[in-house]
N, C-alpha and C. Protein backbone atom coordinates (compact mmCIF):
# COMPACT_ATOMS: atom_id res chain seq x y z
N MET A 1 -48.43 -78.17 -84.51
CA MET A 1 -47.80 -77.21 -85.41
C MET A 1 -48.53 -77.10 -86.55
N VAL A 2 -48.75 -78.19 -87.05
CA VAL A 2 -49.45 -78.05 -88.24
C VAL A 2 -51.12 -77.72 -88.32
N GLY A 3 -51.49 -77.88 -87.05
CA GLY A 3 -52.91 -77.37 -86.68
C GLY A 3 -52.96 -75.96 -86.80
N VAL A 4 -51.91 -75.19 -86.27
CA VAL A 4 -52.00 -73.75 -86.42
C VAL A 4 -51.57 -73.25 -87.71
N VAL A 5 -50.80 -73.91 -88.57
CA VAL A 5 -50.65 -73.50 -89.93
C VAL A 5 -51.79 -73.66 -90.38
N ARG A 6 -52.73 -74.62 -90.35
CA ARG A 6 -54.10 -74.77 -91.19
C ARG A 6 -54.77 -73.58 -90.64
N PHE A 7 -54.86 -73.37 -89.34
CA PHE A 7 -55.80 -72.39 -88.84
C PHE A 7 -55.45 -70.88 -89.71
N PHE A 8 -54.04 -70.66 -89.42
CA PHE A 8 -53.77 -69.24 -90.40
C PHE A 8 -54.02 -69.11 -91.72
N HIS A 9 -53.78 -70.61 -92.48
CA HIS A 9 -54.15 -70.53 -93.86
C HIS A 9 -55.70 -70.29 -94.09
N SER A 10 -56.49 -70.82 -93.06
CA SER A 10 -58.02 -70.74 -93.27
C SER A 10 -58.57 -69.44 -92.88
N MET A 11 -57.89 -68.75 -92.05
CA MET A 11 -58.03 -67.23 -91.64
C MET A 11 -57.75 -66.54 -92.75
N ARG A 12 -56.67 -66.78 -93.53
CA ARG A 12 -56.18 -65.57 -94.46
C ARG A 12 -57.00 -65.98 -95.78
N ALA A 13 -57.92 -67.20 -95.97
CA ALA A 13 -58.77 -67.31 -96.83
C ALA A 13 -60.06 -66.38 -96.33
N VAL A 14 -60.33 -66.45 -95.25
CA VAL A 14 -61.76 -65.71 -94.58
C VAL A 14 -61.42 -64.22 -95.00
N VAL A 15 -60.19 -63.53 -94.56
CA VAL A 15 -60.02 -62.39 -94.70
C VAL A 15 -59.97 -61.98 -96.20
N ALA A 16 -59.32 -63.05 -97.18
CA ALA A 16 -59.53 -62.59 -98.67
C ALA A 16 -60.94 -62.63 -99.18
N ALA A 17 -61.67 -63.52 -98.48
CA ALA A 17 -63.11 -63.56 -99.23
C ALA A 17 -64.16 -62.10 -98.54
N SER A 18 -63.51 -61.56 -97.48
CA SER A 18 -64.23 -60.42 -97.01
C SER A 18 -63.67 -59.34 -97.46
N LEU A 19 -62.67 -59.16 -98.15
CA LEU A 19 -62.31 -57.91 -98.75
C LEU A 19 -63.06 -57.39 -99.51
N PRO A 20 -63.87 -58.18 -100.57
CA PRO A 20 -64.75 -57.24 -101.70
C PRO A 20 -65.90 -56.69 -100.48
N THR A 21 -66.22 -57.37 -99.49
CA THR A 21 -67.30 -56.63 -98.66
C THR A 21 -67.01 -55.54 -97.98
N THR A 22 -65.59 -55.48 -97.35
CA THR A 22 -65.31 -54.32 -96.69
C THR A 22 -64.83 -53.22 -97.71
N ALA A 23 -64.57 -53.69 -99.09
CA ALA A 23 -64.51 -52.34 -100.32
C ALA A 23 -65.61 -51.74 -100.35
N MET A 24 -66.95 -52.67 -100.21
CA MET A 24 -68.39 -52.36 -100.40
C MET A 24 -68.70 -51.33 -99.79
N LEU A 25 -68.38 -51.80 -98.48
CA LEU A 25 -68.86 -51.00 -97.17
C LEU A 25 -68.05 -49.76 -96.95
N ALA A 26 -66.69 -49.67 -97.44
CA ALA A 26 -65.98 -48.39 -97.52
C ALA A 26 -66.70 -47.25 -98.61
N ARG A 27 -67.22 -47.81 -99.79
CA ARG A 27 -67.79 -47.29 -100.72
C ARG A 27 -69.07 -46.58 -99.99
N VAL A 28 -70.04 -47.28 -99.37
CA VAL A 28 -71.23 -46.97 -98.85
C VAL A 28 -71.05 -46.03 -97.74
N GLY A 29 -69.76 -45.92 -96.83
CA GLY A 29 -69.55 -45.09 -96.10
C GLY A 29 -69.16 -43.85 -96.57
N ALA A 30 -68.36 -43.88 -97.70
CA ALA A 30 -67.81 -42.72 -98.34
C ALA A 30 -69.09 -41.84 -98.84
N ALA A 31 -70.00 -42.65 -99.68
CA ALA A 31 -71.12 -41.82 -100.10
C ALA A 31 -72.15 -41.28 -99.18
N LEU A 32 -72.28 -42.04 -97.73
CA LEU A 32 -72.87 -41.59 -96.73
C LEU A 32 -72.49 -40.22 -96.27
N ARG A 33 -70.77 -40.12 -96.17
CA ARG A 33 -70.34 -39.08 -95.53
C ARG A 33 -70.33 -37.93 -96.59
N ALA A 34 -70.40 -38.23 -98.06
CA ALA A 34 -70.69 -37.16 -98.91
C ALA A 34 -71.88 -36.46 -98.75
N ARG A 35 -72.87 -37.32 -98.67
CA ARG A 35 -74.48 -36.82 -98.50
C ARG A 35 -74.92 -37.21 -97.32
N PRO A 36 -75.02 -36.81 -96.21
CA PRO A 36 -75.65 -37.19 -95.14
C PRO A 36 -77.07 -37.03 -95.14
N PHE A 37 -77.46 -36.37 -95.56
CA PHE A 37 -78.89 -35.92 -95.65
C PHE A 37 -79.79 -37.10 -96.35
N LEU A 38 -79.37 -37.40 -97.35
CA LEU A 38 -79.69 -38.32 -98.29
C LEU A 38 -79.48 -39.72 -97.42
N GLY A 39 -78.51 -40.03 -96.79
CA GLY A 39 -78.22 -41.18 -96.12
C GLY A 39 -79.04 -41.23 -94.65
N ALA A 40 -79.59 -40.07 -94.21
CA ALA A 40 -80.28 -40.33 -92.93
C ALA A 40 -81.93 -40.40 -93.51
N CYS A 41 -82.21 -39.84 -94.55
CA CYS A 41 -83.55 -40.28 -95.49
C CYS A 41 -83.66 -41.79 -95.59
N ALA A 42 -82.68 -42.16 -96.01
CA ALA A 42 -82.87 -43.71 -96.64
C ALA A 42 -82.71 -44.56 -95.56
N SER A 43 -82.06 -44.29 -94.60
CA SER A 43 -81.87 -45.30 -93.22
C SER A 43 -83.29 -44.91 -92.41
N ALA A 44 -83.66 -43.88 -92.44
CA ALA A 44 -85.02 -43.70 -91.52
C ALA A 44 -86.51 -44.41 -92.56
N THR A 45 -86.28 -44.32 -93.93
CA THR A 45 -87.42 -45.16 -94.81
C THR A 45 -86.96 -46.60 -94.38
N LEU A 46 -85.90 -47.10 -94.52
CA LEU A 46 -85.63 -48.62 -94.06
C LEU A 46 -86.22 -48.82 -92.98
N LYS A 47 -85.86 -47.93 -91.85
CA LYS A 47 -86.16 -48.57 -90.33
C LYS A 47 -87.57 -48.36 -90.17
N THR A 48 -88.48 -47.53 -90.91
CA THR A 48 -89.65 -47.36 -90.65
C THR A 48 -90.48 -48.54 -91.35
N SER A 49 -90.07 -48.93 -92.69
CA SER A 49 -90.62 -50.09 -93.20
C SER A 49 -90.46 -51.17 -92.55
N ALA A 50 -88.97 -51.42 -92.17
CA ALA A 50 -88.88 -52.50 -91.21
C ALA A 50 -89.71 -52.73 -90.15
N ALA A 51 -89.77 -51.38 -89.53
CA ALA A 51 -90.73 -52.07 -88.12
C ALA A 51 -92.02 -52.20 -88.34
N ASP A 52 -92.51 -51.52 -89.39
CA ASP A 52 -94.06 -51.90 -89.83
C ASP A 52 -94.16 -53.34 -90.34
N VAL A 53 -93.23 -53.92 -90.75
CA VAL A 53 -93.19 -55.35 -91.15
C VAL A 53 -93.12 -55.97 -90.00
N MET A 54 -92.45 -55.62 -89.18
CA MET A 54 -92.32 -56.42 -87.75
C MET A 54 -93.42 -56.64 -87.00
N VAL A 55 -94.11 -55.40 -87.21
CA VAL A 55 -95.18 -55.18 -86.16
C VAL A 55 -96.66 -56.04 -86.59
N GLN A 56 -96.70 -56.09 -88.07
CA GLN A 56 -97.44 -56.71 -88.75
C GLN A 56 -97.39 -58.03 -88.55
N THR A 57 -96.11 -58.55 -88.33
CA THR A 57 -95.83 -60.13 -88.52
C THR A 57 -95.92 -60.70 -87.19
N LEU A 58 -95.17 -60.02 -86.15
CA LEU A 58 -94.72 -60.39 -85.00
C LEU A 58 -95.80 -60.06 -83.79
N ILE A 59 -96.46 -59.21 -83.92
CA ILE A 59 -97.53 -58.60 -82.96
C ILE A 59 -98.69 -58.79 -83.30
N GLU A 60 -99.21 -58.62 -84.75
CA GLU A 60 -100.59 -58.77 -85.46
C GLU A 60 -100.71 -60.17 -85.68
N GLY A 61 -99.50 -61.04 -85.92
CA GLY A 61 -99.72 -62.54 -86.33
C GLY A 61 -99.76 -62.63 -87.78
N ARG A 62 -99.74 -61.78 -88.56
CA ARG A 62 -100.02 -61.92 -90.26
C ARG A 62 -98.94 -62.77 -90.56
N ALA A 63 -99.07 -63.30 -91.59
CA ALA A 63 -98.28 -64.38 -92.52
C ALA A 63 -97.61 -62.88 -93.46
N VAL A 64 -96.33 -63.17 -94.09
CA VAL A 64 -95.81 -62.37 -94.90
C VAL A 64 -96.48 -62.13 -96.06
N ASP A 65 -97.32 -62.91 -96.62
CA ASP A 65 -98.07 -62.99 -97.83
C ASP A 65 -99.36 -62.13 -97.43
N ASP A 66 -99.74 -61.91 -96.14
CA ASP A 66 -101.14 -61.01 -95.81
C ASP A 66 -100.58 -59.78 -95.38
N LEU A 67 -99.78 -59.27 -95.70
CA LEU A 67 -99.42 -57.83 -94.95
C LEU A 67 -100.18 -56.81 -95.56
N ASP A 68 -100.48 -55.83 -94.94
CA ASP A 68 -101.30 -54.81 -95.19
C ASP A 68 -100.37 -53.98 -96.27
N ARG A 69 -100.37 -54.02 -97.26
CA ARG A 69 -99.37 -53.48 -98.27
C ARG A 69 -99.52 -51.75 -98.51
N ARG A 70 -100.74 -51.71 -98.31
CA ARG A 70 -101.38 -50.14 -98.35
C ARG A 70 -100.83 -49.49 -97.17
N ARG A 71 -100.82 -49.88 -95.88
CA ARG A 71 -100.39 -49.44 -94.84
C ARG A 71 -98.82 -49.32 -94.87
N LEU A 72 -98.20 -50.71 -95.18
CA LEU A 72 -96.67 -50.43 -95.59
C LEU A 72 -96.23 -49.35 -96.56
N ALA A 73 -97.15 -49.32 -97.45
CA ALA A 73 -96.68 -48.23 -98.46
C ALA A 73 -96.76 -46.68 -97.76
N ALA A 74 -97.79 -46.63 -96.95
CA ALA A 74 -97.95 -45.13 -96.10
C ALA A 74 -96.95 -45.30 -95.26
N PHE A 75 -96.42 -46.12 -94.38
CA PHE A 75 -95.59 -45.70 -93.46
C PHE A 75 -94.22 -45.80 -93.95
N THR A 76 -93.92 -46.40 -95.40
CA THR A 76 -92.74 -46.02 -96.17
C THR A 76 -92.55 -44.77 -96.54
N ILE A 77 -93.52 -44.24 -97.24
CA ILE A 77 -93.57 -42.99 -97.78
C ILE A 77 -93.67 -41.78 -96.98
N PHE A 78 -94.57 -41.71 -96.13
CA PHE A 78 -94.97 -40.98 -95.00
C PHE A 78 -93.90 -40.88 -93.79
N GLY A 79 -93.60 -42.27 -93.24
CA GLY A 79 -93.01 -42.48 -91.98
C GLY A 79 -94.18 -42.69 -90.97
N GLU A 80 -93.56 -42.21 -89.85
CA GLU A 80 -94.74 -42.64 -88.46
C GLU A 80 -95.50 -41.58 -88.39
N PRO A 81 -96.80 -41.78 -88.23
CA PRO A 81 -97.99 -40.88 -88.22
C PRO A 81 -97.49 -40.14 -87.07
């Protein structure tokens, strides 16, 4: 019985610690619903730049310090060619 009580107390601490995160996610969700075009542009930009970083590091075998920053900037600004 003591183990069950400890488990629920620890779960309550986990839930309490995650409340600021859920509040932040709720605010982000509300902002994305209020401005869907801006949210779509931001997510597409993030996806494209992350994809180019992954290609340069995983496929081309470059170190993070040796990334082609001009190419990364071009992909980030203009998207996929």
